[in-house]
Amino acid sequence: MILDIGCGSGLSGSVLTEHDHIWIGMDISKHMLEVAQDNDCEGDLLYADMGQGFGFRPGVFDYAISISAVQWICNAEKSSHNPMKRMKTFFSSLYKCLNIGARCCFQFYPDNPQQLDLITTAALENGFTGGLVVDYPHSAKAKKYKNLLFVKFIIFHFLLNFLIFHF
């Protein structure tokens, strides 16, 4: 099962459905979720603020995707919003609802190097492994950042290989 974080109008979800994937989309915009419903998206849609974390059971999802949404956690939209705390909540609760070996791909557009650091540091501090890929790194307009993250993937497979070859 795939979690589409910041699913908006369901465009990514429609592609997932075309490839026979089961998915759940979540977004903070009621209007965008209504558009997704009007477009007859086949995934389940959830109205939620990703900066407040996820209420899913542990190990529910095999994948998580997000297109142009994660950077919004870096902004304090309300006086009660603390970007660092919200980013930590986002990644710690996401980590819990993913299976061992789950993969995540988040495309995002940070406003500055501090936001880039906040996002990548929060992911790594909450147990994710992986790294950052930058498409068109020398272009001011076309540059895209992607966090490719894994849950216990490297450690799990290392231990599995160790047990297979040593016992």
Foldseek 3Di string as FASTA:
>chain_A
DEEEEQCFQVPVLVVCVVVVHAYEYEHQDPVRVVNNVVVVRPHHYYHDDLLQADDAAFAQDQEYEYEADPLCLCDDPDPPRDSLSSLLRNQLRVLRNHHAFHKYKYKHDHPDVVSVCSNVVSNVVNQKDFAKDWDPVVDPPPIIIMTITTHNNVVVVVVVVCVVVPD
